[in-house]
Structures are given as C-alpha cells and as structure tokens.
PDB file of N, CA and C in Angstrom:
ATOM      1  N   MET A   1     -21.042 -17.797  20.750  1.00  0.00           N
ATOM      2  CA  MET A   1     -19.896 -16.971  21.133  1.00  0.00           C
ATOM      3  C   MET A   1     -18.969 -17.802  22.012  1.00  0.00           C
ATOM      4  N   LEU A   2     -17.703 -17.747  21.680  1.00  0.00           N
ATOM      5  CA  LEU A   2     -16.719 -18.506  22.448  1.00  0.00           C
ATOM      6  C   LEU A   2     -16.459 -17.844  23.799  1.00  0.00           C
ATOM      7  N   LYS A   3     -16.155 -18.652  24.782  1.00  0.00           N
ATOM      8  CA  LYS A   3     -15.740 -18.097  26.051  1.00  0.00           C
ATOM      9  C   LYS A   3     -14.339 -17.524  25.883  1.00  0.00           C
ATOM     10  N   ILE A   4     -13.948 -16.656  26.793  1.00  0.00           N
ATOM     11  CA  ILE A   4     -12.686 -15.928  26.647  1.00  0.00           C
ATOM     12  C   ILE A   4     -11.491 -16.872  26.526  1.00  0.00           C
ATOM     13  N   ARG A   5     -11.394 -17.841  27.400  1.00  0.00           N
ATOM     14  CA  ARG A   5     -10.253 -18.770  27.343  1.00  0.00           C
ATOM     15  C   ARG A   5     -10.261 -19.571  26.053  1.00  0.00           C
ATOM     16  N   GLU A   6     -11.427 -20.006  25.634  1.00  0.00           N
ATOM     17  CA  GLU A   6     -11.547 -20.770  24.389  1.00  0.00           C
ATOM     18  C   GLU A   6     -11.167 -19.896  23.194  1.00  0.00           C
ATOM     19  N   PHE A   7     -11.603 -18.623  23.241  1.00  0.00           N
ATOM     20  CA  PHE A   7     -11.289 -17.703  22.150  1.00  0.00           C
ATOM     21  C   PHE A   7      -9.777 -17.531  22.015  1.00  0.00           C
ATOM     22  N   TRP A   8      -9.101 -17.225  23.131  1.00  0.00           N
ATOM     23  CA  TRP A   8      -7.657 -16.977  23.060  1.00  0.00           C
ATOM     24  C   TRP A   8      -6.877 -18.249  22.751  1.00  0.00           C
ATOM     25  N   ALA A   9      -7.382 -19.392  23.182  1.00  0.00           N
ATOM     26  CA  ALA A   9      -6.745 -20.660  22.797  1.00  0.00           C
ATOM     27  C   ALA A   9      -6.865 -20.853  21.286  1.00  0.00           C
ATOM     28  N   ALA A  10      -8.020 -20.530  20.739  1.00  0.00           N
ATOM     29  CA  ALA A  10      -8.219 -20.632  19.287  1.00  0.00           C
ATOM     30  C   ALA A  10      -7.341 -19.628  18.547  1.00  0.00           C
ATOM     31  N   VAL A  11      -7.178 -18.422  19.105  1.00  0.00           N
ATOM     32  CA  VAL A  11      -6.307 -17.409  18.483  1.00  0.00           C
ATOM     33  C   VAL A  11      -4.869 -17.912  18.449  1.00  0.00           C
ATOM     34  N   HIS A  12      -4.386 -18.451  19.555  1.00  0.00           N
ATOM     35  CA  HIS A  12      -3.009 -18.959  19.597  1.00  0.00           C
ATOM     36  C   HIS A  12      -2.825 -20.124  18.631  1.00  0.00           C
ATOM     37  N   GLU A  13      -3.826 -20.970  18.521  1.00  0.00           N
ATOM     38  CA  GLU A  13      -3.781 -22.088  17.584  1.00  0.00           C
ATOM     39  C   GLU A  13      -3.746 -21.573  16.143  1.00  0.00           C
ATOM     40  N   GLN A  14      -4.568 -20.574  15.856  1.00  0.00           N
ATOM     41  CA  GLN A  14      -4.607 -19.969  14.519  1.00  0.00           C
ATOM     42  C   GLN A  14      -3.278 -19.303  14.206  1.00  0.00           C
ATOM     43  N   ALA A  15      -2.704 -18.575  15.168  1.00  0.00           N
ATOM     44  CA  ALA A  15      -1.418 -17.897  14.959  1.00  0.00           C
ATOM     45  C   ALA A  15      -0.317 -18.906  14.686  1.00  0.00           C
ATOM     46  N   ALA A  16      -0.344 -20.032  15.353  1.00  0.00           N
ATOM     47  CA  ALA A  16       0.672 -21.068  15.136  1.00  0.00           C
ATOM     48  C   ALA A  16       0.560 -21.664  13.738  1.00  0.00           C
ATOM     49  N   ALA A  17      -0.640 -21.639  13.178  1.00  0.00           N
ATOM     50  CA  ALA A  17      -0.851 -22.199  11.842  1.00  0.00           C
ATOM     51  C   ALA A  17      -0.468 -21.229  10.729  1.00  0.00           C
ATOM     52  N   LEU A  18      -0.250 -19.964  11.065  1.00  0.00           N
ATOM     53  CA  LEU A  18       0.103 -18.962  10.058  1.00  0.00           C
ATOM     54  C   LEU A  18       1.629 -18.845   9.967  1.00  0.00           C
ATOM     55  N   PRO A  19       2.236 -19.184   8.829  1.00  0.00           N
ATOM     56  CA  PRO A  19       3.700 -19.202   8.741  1.00  0.00           C
ATOM     57  C   PRO A  19       4.363 -17.835   8.523  1.00  0.00           C
ATOM     58  N   GLU A  20       3.658 -16.885   7.932  1.00  0.00           N
ATOM     59  CA  GLU A  20       4.256 -15.585   7.614  1.00  0.00           C
ATOM     60  C   GLU A  20       4.126 -14.622   8.789  1.00  0.00           C
ATOM     61  N   ASP A  21       4.918 -13.530   8.749  1.00  0.00           N
ATOM     62  CA  ASP A  21       4.852 -12.516   9.805  1.00  0.00           C
ATOM     63  C   ASP A  21       3.747 -11.496   9.557  1.00  0.00           C
ATOM     64  N   TRP A  22       3.429 -11.232   8.272  1.00  0.00           N
ATOM     65  CA  TRP A  22       2.443 -10.208   7.897  1.00  0.00           C
ATOM     66  C   TRP A  22       1.452 -10.784   6.904  1.00  0.00           C
ATOM     67  N   TYR A  23       0.202 -10.317   7.025  1.00  0.00           N
ATOM     68  CA  TYR A  23      -0.866 -10.792   6.148  1.00  0.00           C
ATOM     69  C   TYR A  23      -1.745  -9.635   5.706  1.00  0.00           C
ATOM     70  N   TYR A  24      -2.370  -9.827   4.547  1.00  0.00           N
ATOM     71  CA  TYR A  24      -3.419  -8.918   4.104  1.00  0.00           C
ATOM     72  C   TYR A  24      -4.740  -9.614   4.415  1.00  0.00           C
ATOM     73  N   VAL A  25      -5.595  -8.906   5.130  1.00  0.00           N
ATOM     74  CA  VAL A  25      -6.925  -9.424   5.447  1.00  0.00           C
ATOM     75  C   VAL A  25      -7.957  -8.470   4.873  1.00  0.00           C
ATOM     76  N   ILE A  26      -9.150  -8.979   4.663  1.00  0.00           N
ATOM     77  CA  ILE A  26     -10.241  -8.158   4.143  1.00  0.00           C
ATOM     78  C   ILE A  26     -11.450  -8.361   5.047  1.00  0.00           C
ATOM     79  N   SER A  27     -12.106  -7.256   5.374  1.00  0.00           N
ATOM     80  CA  SER A  27     -13.252  -7.342   6.280  1.00  0.00           C
ATOM     81  C   SER A  27     -14.430  -8.021   5.586  1.00  0.00           C
ATOM     82  N   VAL A  28     -15.206  -8.698   6.402  1.00  0.00           N
ATOM     83  CA  VAL A  28     -16.404  -9.392   5.929  1.00  0.00           C
ATOM     84  C   VAL A  28     -17.604  -8.555   6.343  1.00  0.00           C
ATOM     85  N   ASP A  29     -18.519  -8.334   5.423  1.00  0.00           N
ATOM     86  CA  ASP A  29     -19.710  -7.529   5.705  1.00  0.00           C
ATOM     87  C   ASP A  29     -20.544  -8.206   6.790  1.00  0.00           C
ATOM     88  N   ASP A  30     -20.785  -7.468   7.882  1.00  0.00           N
ATOM     89  CA  ASP A  30     -21.570  -7.990   8.997  1.00  0.00           C
ATOM     90  C   ASP A  30     -22.369  -6.841   9.612  1.00  0.00           C
ATOM     91  N   PRO A  31     -23.608  -6.628   9.153  1.00  0.00           N
ATOM     92  CA  PRO A  31     -24.415  -5.521   9.654  1.00  0.00           C
ATOM     93  C   PRO A  31     -24.687  -5.591  11.161  1.00  0.00           C
ATOM     94  N   SER A  32     -24.742  -6.787  11.739  1.00  0.00           N
ATOM     95  CA  SER A  32     -25.020  -6.893  13.171  1.00  0.00           C
ATOM     96  C   SER A  32     -23.879  -6.319  14.012  1.00  0.00           C
ATOM     97  N   ARG A  33     -22.657  -6.310  13.461  1.00  0.00           N
ATOM     98  CA  ARG A  33     -21.503  -5.744  14.161  1.00  0.00           C
ATOM     99  C   ARG A  33     -21.101  -4.385  13.587  1.00  0.00           C
ATOM    100  N   CYS A  34     -21.858  -3.901  12.637  1.00  0.00           N
ATOM    101  CA  CYS A  34     -21.561  -2.635  11.958  1.00  0.00           C
ATOM    102  C   CYS A  34     -20.190  -2.677  11.282  1.00  0.00           C
ATOM    103  N   VAL A  35     -19.858  -3.806  10.681  1.00  0.00           N
ATOM    104  CA  VAL A  35     -18.588  -3.968   9.969  1.00  0.00           C
ATOM    105  C   VAL A  35     -18.868  -3.901   8.484  1.00  0.00           C
ATOM    106  N   VAL A  36     -18.171  -3.003   7.807  1.00  0.00           N
ATOM    107  CA  VAL A  36     -18.314  -2.865   6.362  1.00  0.00           C
ATOM    108  C   VAL A  36     -17.350  -3.832   5.694  1.00  0.00           C
ATOM    109  N   GLY A  37     -17.825  -4.596   4.775  1.00  0.00           N
ATOM    110  CA  GLY A  37     -16.992  -5.566   4.086  1.00  0.00           C
ATOM    111  C   GLY A  37     -16.162  -4.937   2.983  1.00  0.00           C
ATOM    112  N   GLY A  38     -15.061  -5.605   2.647  1.00  0.00           N
ATOM    113  CA  GLY A  38     -14.250  -5.185   1.513  1.00  0.00           C
ATOM    114  C   GLY A  38     -13.097  -4.264   1.832  1.00  0.00           C
ATOM    115  N   VAL A  39     -12.814  -4.002   3.108  1.00  0.00           N
ATOM    116  CA  VAL A  39     -11.707  -3.120   3.480  1.00  0.00           C
ATOM    117  C   VAL A  39     -10.471  -3.984   3.714  1.00  0.00           C
ATOM    118  N   VAL A  40      -9.421  -3.731   2.923  1.00  0.00           N
ATOM    119  CA  VAL A  40      -8.186  -4.514   3.010  1.00  0.00           C
ATOM    120  C   VAL A  40      -7.216  -3.826   3.963  1.00  0.00           C
ATOM    121  N   SER A  41      -6.574  -4.626   4.801  1.00  0.00           N
ATOM    122  CA  SER A  41      -5.582  -4.113   5.752  1.00  0.00           C
ATOM    123  C   SER A  41      -4.407  -5.078   5.817  1.00  0.00           C
ATOM    124  N   GLN A  42      -3.223  -4.535   6.065  1.00  0.00           N
ATOM    125  CA  GLN A  42      -2.061  -5.379   6.302  1.00  0.00           C
ATOM    126  C   GLN A  42      -1.859  -5.453   7.811  1.00  0.00           C
ATOM    127  N   VAL A  43      -1.793  -6.667   8.335  1.00  0.00           N
ATOM    128  CA  VAL A  43      -1.718  -6.854   9.784  1.00  0.00           C
ATOM    129  C   VAL A  43      -0.663  -7.899  10.126  1.00  0.00           C
ATOM    130  N   SER A  44      -0.274  -7.900  11.393  1.00  0.00           N
ATOM    131  CA  SER A  44       0.684  -8.894  11.880  1.00  0.00           C
ATOM    132  C   SER A  44       0.013 -10.262  12.010  1.00  0.00           C
ATOM    133  N   ARG A  45       0.826 -11.275  12.213  1.00  0.00           N
ATOM    134  CA  ARG A  45       0.318 -12.640  12.381  1.00  0.00           C
ATOM    135  C   ARG A  45      -0.676 -12.707  13.544  1.00  0.00           C
ATOM    136  N   GLN A  46      -0.325 -12.097  14.671  1.00  0.00           N
ATOM    137  CA  GLN A  46      -1.192 -12.144  15.856  1.00  0.00           C
ATOM    138  C   GLN A  46      -2.538 -11.469  15.594  1.00  0.00           C
ATOM    139  N   THR A  47      -2.497 -10.299  14.972  1.00  0.00           N
ATOM    140  CA  THR A  47      -3.745  -9.590  14.666  1.00  0.00           C
ATOM    141  C   THR A  47      -4.572 -10.376  13.650  1.00  0.00           C
ATOM    142  N   ALA A  48      -3.904 -10.949  12.651  1.00  0.00           N
ATOM    143  CA  ALA A  48      -4.621 -11.766  11.670  1.00  0.00           C
ATOM    144  C   ALA A  48      -5.301 -12.935  12.352  1.00  0.00           C
ATOM    145  N   ALA A  49      -4.614 -13.577  13.287  1.00  0.00           N
ATOM    146  CA  ALA A  49      -5.205 -14.705  14.005  1.00  0.00           C
ATOM    147  C   ALA A  49      -6.439 -14.262  14.790  1.00  0.00           C
ATOM    148  N   GLU A  50      -6.374 -13.108  15.441  1.00  0.00           N
ATOM    149  CA  GLU A  50      -7.530 -12.595  16.190  1.00  0.00           C
ATOM    150  C   GLU A  50      -8.710 -12.314  15.265  1.00  0.00           C
ATOM    151  N   LEU A  51      -8.418 -11.637  14.128  1.00  0.00           N
ATOM    152  CA  LEU A  51      -9.499 -11.282  13.198  1.00  0.00           C
ATOM    153  C   LEU A  51     -10.110 -12.513  12.540  1.00  0.00           C
ATOM    154  N   LEU A  52      -9.270 -13.486  12.187  1.00  0.00           N
ATOM    155  CA  LEU A  52      -9.782 -14.708  11.568  1.00  0.00           C
ATOM    156  C   LEU A  52     -10.598 -15.521  12.566  1.00  0.00           C
ATOM    157  N   THR A  53     -10.142 -15.574  13.805  1.00  0.00           N
ATOM    158  CA  THR A  53     -10.867 -16.322  14.830  1.00  0.00           C
ATOM    159  C   THR A  53     -12.208 -15.668  15.145  1.00  0.00           C
ATOM    160  N   SER A  54     -12.235 -14.348  15.184  1.00  0.00           N
ATOM    161  CA  SER A  54     -13.495 -13.647  15.467  1.00  0.00           C
ATOM    162  C   SER A  54     -14.409 -13.604  14.244  1.00  0.00           C
ATOM    163  N   ARG A  55     -13.889 -14.026  13.098  1.00  0.00           N
ATOM    164  CA  ARG A  55     -14.641 -14.123  11.841  1.00  0.00           C
ATOM    165  C   ARG A  55     -15.138 -12.779  11.325  1.00  0.00           C
ATOM    166  N   THR A  56     -14.434 -11.715  11.667  1.00  0.00           N
ATOM    167  CA  THR A  56     -14.774 -10.405  11.112  1.00  0.00           C
ATOM    168  C   THR A  56     -14.009 -10.149   9.817  1.00  0.00           C
ATOM    169  N   HIS A  57     -12.954 -10.926   9.583  1.00  0.00           N
ATOM    170  CA  HIS A  57     -12.115 -10.786   8.398  1.00  0.00           C
ATOM    171  C   HIS A  57     -11.756 -12.169   7.857  1.00  0.00           C
ATOM    172  N   ARG A  58     -11.264 -12.159   6.638  1.00  0.00           N
ATOM    173  CA  ARG A  58     -10.709 -13.373   6.026  1.00  0.00           C
ATOM    174  C   ARG A  58      -9.424 -12.965   5.325  1.00  0.00           C
ATOM    175  N   LEU A  59      -8.602 -13.945   4.955  1.00  0.00           N
ATOM    176  CA  LEU A  59      -7.383 -13.629   4.227  1.00  0.00           C
ATOM    177  C   LEU A  59      -7.751 -13.112   2.839  1.00  0.00           C
ATOM    178  N   ALA A  60      -7.084 -12.064   2.408  1.00  0.00           N
ATOM    179  CA  ALA A  60      -7.364 -11.471   1.098  1.00  0.00           C
ATOM    180  C   ALA A  60      -6.743 -12.334   0.002  1.00  0.00           C
ATOM    181  N   THR A  61      -7.391 -12.365  -1.146  1.00  0.00           N
ATOM    182  CA  THR A  61      -6.858 -13.093  -2.298  1.00  0.00           C
ATOM    183  C   THR A  61      -5.774 -12.259  -2.965  1.00  0.00           C
ATOM    184  N   GLU A  62      -4.993 -12.889  -3.827  1.00  0.00           N
ATOM    185  CA  GLU A  62      -3.932 -12.172  -4.559  1.00  0.00           C
ATOM    186  C   GLU A  62      -4.523 -11.003  -5.359  1.00  0.00           C
ATOM    187  N   GLU A  63      -5.678 -11.227  -5.984  1.00  0.00           N
ATOM    188  CA  GLU A  63      -6.333 -10.179  -6.778  1.00  0.00           C
ATOM    189  C   GLU A  63      -6.731  -8.989  -5.897  1.00  0.00           C
ATOM    190  N   GLU A  64      -7.275  -9.266  -4.723  1.00  0.00           N
ATOM    191  CA  GLU A  64      -7.673  -8.204  -3.799  1.00  0.00           C
ATOM    192  C   GLU A  64      -6.456  -7.429  -3.288  1.00  0.00           C
ATOM    193  N   ILE A  65      -5.370  -8.152  -3.038  1.00  0.00           N
ATOM    194  CA  ILE A  65      -4.136  -7.498  -2.581  1.00  0.00           C
ATOM    195  C   ILE A  65      -3.585  -6.595  -3.674  1.00  0.00           C
ATOM    196  N   GLU A  66      -3.520  -7.091  -4.904  1.00  0.00           N
ATOM    197  CA  GLU A  66      -3.020  -6.289  -6.027  1.00  0.00           C
ATOM    198  C   GLU A  66      -3.868  -5.037  -6.221  1.00  0.00           C
ATOM    199  N   ARG A  67      -5.181  -5.173  -6.153  1.00  0.00           N
ATOM    200  CA  ARG A  67      -6.079  -4.025  -6.300  1.00  0.00           C
ATOM    201  C   ARG A  67      -5.832  -3.009  -5.179  1.00  0.00           C
ATOM    202  N   HIS A  68      -5.663  -3.495  -3.957  1.00  0.00           N
ATOM    203  CA  HIS A  68      -5.398  -2.621  -2.802  1.00  0.00           C
ATOM    204  C   HIS A  68      -4.071  -1.883  -2.977  1.00  0.00           C
ATOM    205  N   LEU A  69      -3.030  -2.600  -3.366  1.00  0.00           N
ATOM    206  CA  LEU A  69      -1.714  -1.974  -3.543  1.00  0.00           C
ATOM    207  C   LEU A  69      -1.723  -0.964  -4.687  1.00  0.00           C
ATOM    208  N   ARG A  70      -2.432  -1.293  -5.762  1.00  0.00           N
ATOM    209  CA  ARG A  70      -2.547  -0.369  -6.893  1.00  0.00           C
ATOM    210  C   ARG A  70      -3.272   0.908  -6.459  1.00  0.00           C
ATOM    211  N   HIS A  71      -4.335   0.749  -5.681  1.00  0.00           N
ATOM    212  CA  HIS A  71      -5.085   1.907  -5.181  1.00  0.00           C
ATOM    213  C   HIS A  71      -4.206   2.758  -4.266  1.00  0.00           C
ATOM    214  N   GLU A  72      -3.450   2.119  -3.371  1.00  0.00           N
ATOM    215  CA  GLU A  72      -2.557   2.861  -2.481  1.00  0.00           C
ATOM    216  C   GLU A  72      -1.508   3.637  -3.278  1.00  0.00           C
ATOM    217  N   GLN A  73      -0.954   3.012  -4.334  1.00  0.00           N
ATOM    218  CA  GLN A  73       0.048   3.682  -5.159  1.00  0.00           C
ATOM    219  C   GLN A  73      -0.561   4.877  -5.889  1.00  0.00           C
ATOM    220  N   GLU A  74      -1.761   4.718  -6.406  1.00  0.00           N
ATOM    221  CA  GLU A  74      -2.435   5.834  -7.074  1.00  0.00           C
ATOM    222  C   GLU A  74      -2.675   6.988  -6.100  1.00  0.00           C
ATOM    223  N   GLU A  75      -3.112   6.668  -4.894  1.00  0.00           N
ATOM    224  CA  GLU A  75      -3.339   7.703  -3.882  1.00  0.00           C
ATOM    225  C   GLU A  75      -2.032   8.399  -3.513  1.00  0.00           C
ATOM    226  N   ARG A  76      -0.951   7.634  -3.394  1.00  0.00           N
ATOM    227  CA  ARG A  76       0.359   8.203  -3.064  1.00  0.00           C
ATOM    228  C   ARG A  76       0.813   9.156  -4.172  1.00  0.00           C
ATOM    229  N   GLU A  77       0.650   8.749  -5.432  1.00  0.00           N
ATOM    230  CA  GLU A  77       1.038   9.598  -6.562  1.00  0.00           C
ATOM    231  C   GLU A  77       0.191  10.865  -6.606  1.00  0.00           C
ATOM    232  N   ARG A  78      -1.115  10.725  -6.371  1.00  0.00           N
ATOM    233  CA  ARG A  78      -2.007  11.884  -6.356  1.00  0.00           C
ATOM    234  C   ARG A  78      -1.585  12.862  -5.251  1.00  0.00           C
ATOM    235  N   TYR A  79      -1.244  12.349  -4.099  1.00  0.00           N
ATOM    236  CA  TYR A  79      -0.798  13.192  -2.993  1.00  0.00           C
ATOM    237  C   TYR A  79       0.503  13.903  -3.342  1.00  0.00           C
ATOM    238  N   MET A  80       1.458  13.173  -3.919  1.00  0.00           N
ATOM    239  CA  MET A  80       2.750  13.773  -4.257  1.00  0.00           C
ATOM    240  C   MET A  80       2.582  14.873  -5.314  1.00  0.00           C
ATOM    241  N   GLU A  81       1.715  14.661  -6.295  1.00  0.00           N
ATOM    242  CA  GLU A  81       1.462  15.689  -7.303  1.00  0.00           C
ATOM    243  C   GLU A  81       0.858  16.933  -6.659  1.00  0.00           C
ATOM    244  N   ALA A  82      -0.100  16.749  -5.773  1.00  0.00           N
ATOM    245  CA  ALA A  82      -0.723  17.889  -5.091  1.00  0.00           C
ATOM    246  C   ALA A  82       0.303  18.612  -4.226  1.00  0.00           C
ATOM    247  N   GLU A  83       1.175  17.865  -3.577  1.00  0.00           N
ATOM    248  CA  GLU A  83       2.207  18.464  -2.731  1.00  0.00           C
ATOM    249  C   GLU A  83       3.213  19.258  -3.575  1.00  0.00           C
ATOM    250  N   GLN A  84       3.563  18.725  -4.736  1.00  0.00           N
ATOM    251  CA  GLN A  84       4.471  19.456  -5.628  1.00  0.00           C
ATOM    252  C   GLN A  84       3.828  20.744  -6.119  1.00  0.00           C
ATOM    253  N   ARG A  85       2.542  20.697  -6.469  1.00  0.00           N
ATOM    254  CA  ARG A  85       1.841  21.916  -6.904  1.00  0.00           C
ATOM    255  C   ARG A  85       1.801  22.931  -5.772  1.00  0.00           C
ATOM    256  N   ARG A  86       1.555  22.462  -4.562  1.00  0.00           N
ATOM    257  CA  ARG A  86       1.514  23.354  -3.405  1.00  0.00           C
ATOM    258  C   ARG A  86       2.875  24.002  -3.176  1.00  0.00           C
ATOM    259  N   MET A  87       3.934  23.228  -3.290  1.00  0.00           N
ATOM    260  CA  MET A  87       5.273  23.770  -3.071  1.00  0.00           C
ATOM    261  C   MET A  87       5.646  24.761  -4.169  1.00  0.00           C
ATOM    262  N   MET A  88       5.248  24.488  -5.403  1.00  0.00           N
ATOM    263  CA  MET A  88       5.532  25.419  -6.502  1.00  0.00           C
ATOM    264  C   MET A  88       4.784  26.723  -6.270  1.00  0.00           C
ATOM    265  N   GLN A  89       3.567  26.650  -5.802  1.00  0.00           N
ATOM    266  CA  GLN A  89       2.785  27.846  -5.518  1.00  0.00           C
ATOM    267  C   GLN A  89       3.452  28.636  -4.397  1.00  0.00           C
ATOM    268  N   PHE A  90       3.932  27.944  -3.392  1.00  0.00           N
ATOM    269  CA  PHE A  90       4.613  28.603  -2.290  1.00  0.00           C
ATOM    270  C   PHE A  90       5.872  29.296  -2.784  1.00  0.00           C
ATOM    271  N   GLN A  91       6.631  28.638  -3.646  1.00  0.00           N
ATOM    272  CA  GLN A  91       7.861  29.228  -4.163  1.00  0.00           C
ATOM    273  C   GLN A  91       7.568  30.431  -5.045  1.00  0.00           C
ATOM    274  N   ALA A  92       6.473  30.392  -5.788  1.00  0.00           N
ATOM    275  CA  ALA A  92       6.140  31.493  -6.679  1.00  0.00           C
ATOM    276  C   ALA A  92       5.791  32.753  -5.896  1.00  0.00           C
ATOM    277  N   TYR A  93       5.245  32.590  -4.718  1.00  0.00           N
ATOM    278  CA  TYR A  93       4.828  33.739  -3.921  1.00  0.00           C
ATOM    279  C   TYR A  93       5.770  34.042  -2.756  1.00  0.00           C
ATOM    280  N   ALA A  94       6.919  33.409  -2.750  1.00  0.00           N
ATOM    281  CA  ALA A  94       7.871  33.648  -1.666  1.00  0.00           C
ATOM    282  C   ALA A  94       8.401  35.082  -1.766  1.00  0.00           C
ATOM    283  N   PRO A  95       8.505  35.777  -0.654  1.00  0.00           N
ATOM    284  CA  PRO A  95       9.008  37.156  -0.696  1.00  0.00           C
ATOM    285  C   PRO A  95      10.474  37.186  -1.125  1.00  0.00           C
ATOM    286  N   ARG A  96      10.817  38.257  -1.824  1.00  0.00           N
ATOM    287  CA  ARG A  96      12.208  38.417  -2.263  1.00  0.00           C
ATOM    288  C   ARG A  96      13.014  39.026  -1.125  1.00  0.00           C
ATOM    289  N   PRO A  97      14.270  38.652  -1.017  1.00  0.00           N
ATOM    290  CA  PRO A  97      15.079  39.234   0.051  1.00  0.00           C
ATOM    291  C   PRO A  97      15.317  40.723  -0.200  1.00  0.00           C
ATOM    292  N   ILE A  98      15.375  41.472   0.856  1.00  0.00           N
ATOM    293  CA  ILE A  98      15.643  42.916   0.764  1.00  0.00           C
ATOM    294  C   ILE A  98      17.128  43.101   0.532  1.00  0.00           C
ATOM    295  N   PRO A  99      17.495  43.861  -0.519  1.00  0.00           N
ATOM    296  CA  PRO A  99      18.925  44.038  -0.775  1.00  0.00           C
ATOM    297  C   PRO A  99      19.568  44.867   0.341  1.00  0.00           C
ATOM    298  N   ALA A 100      20.788  44.527   0.646  1.00  0.00           N
ATOM    299  CA  ALA A 100      21.524  45.237   1.701  1.00  0.00           C
ATOM    300  C   ALA A 100      21.844  46.651   1.202  1.00  0.00           C
ATOM    301  N   LYS A 101      21.778  47.597   2.117  1.00  0.00           N
ATOM    302  CA  LYS A 101      22.104  48.974   1.760  1.00  0.00           C
ATOM    303  C   LYS A 101      23.611  49.102   1.627  1.00  0.00           C
ATOM    304  N   PRO A 102      24.050  49.806   0.601  1.00  0.00           N
ATOM    305  CA  PRO A 102      25.499  49.986   0.463  1.00  0.00           C
ATOM    306  C   PRO A 102      26.029  50.870   1.601  1.00  0.00           C
ATOM    307  N   LYS A 103      27.178  50.523   2.048  1.00  0.00           N
ATOM    308  CA  LYS A 103      27.791  51.303   3.150  1.00  0.00           C
ATOM    309  C   LYS A 103      28.260  52.645   2.585  1.00  0.00           C
ATOM    310  N   THR A 104      27.977  53.686   3.304  1.00  0.00           N
ATOM    311  CA  THR A 104      28.429  55.018   2.897  1.00  0.00           C
ATOM    312  C   THR A 104      29.555  55.474   3.813  1.00  0.00           C
ATOM    313  N   LYS A 105      30.480  56.201   3.241  1.00  0.00           N
ATOM    314  CA  LYS A 105      31.599  56.697   4.028  1.00  0.00           C
ATOM    315  C   LYS A 105      31.184  58.038   4.628  1.00  0.00           C
ATOM    316  N   ASP A 106      31.307  58.198   5.911  1.00  0.00           N
ATOM    317  CA  ASP A 106      30.984  59.453   6.593  1.00  0.00           C
ATOM    318  C   ASP A 106      32.222  60.191   6.993  1.00  0.00           C
TER     319      ASP A 106
END
C-alpha cells in the first residue's frame, strides 16, 4: 500500500499522462475490497487517475464502451416507452371539465 503522499503524487502523475477530459473506466473484480468487476462508468480525468492508481479500475476498451452506451440507450428507450404509456393512461382517466351553467335572466 502506498503512503498518502506517494499515492497522491502518483495520481497527479497519472492525471498528467491522461490527455482527455473524460474517460470510461471499468471496475476490476476484487473480492478483498468488495468491488464487483465489469461496471463501466464515465469519469473525469482526475477521478480516472485516482481509480487507475488505486487499481480498482482500468480504462474500458472500445467494445466495452459501445456495449455500455448501447445498454444505456436501450434503458432510456424502455423508460421513455413506459413514461408514454403512463401519460396516456393518465390522459384517458383525466376528469372532464364541468360545463358552465347557462346564465338565467331573473
């Protein structure tokens, strides 16, 4: 385990080596830390440097990124379809306005 100063020096060095502002990282399976592998996340350069230095994550491959983005798009479409069905159901059961009473001459 790195000492705190050594760790943050390594993080800053790693961040300086990363040219982009945003990265996709994927968690590495590590039962001793209770980390489940295979979870893709989009993170900033600084966060990517921390995760790479701590070795809990690695940079995701193009294939892993495409699979993640495709899954996110499918989930978004599924949510939008469910939301449209919910709104249609709400509209179908919306109360009708009460008609105004005609004015009578007294």
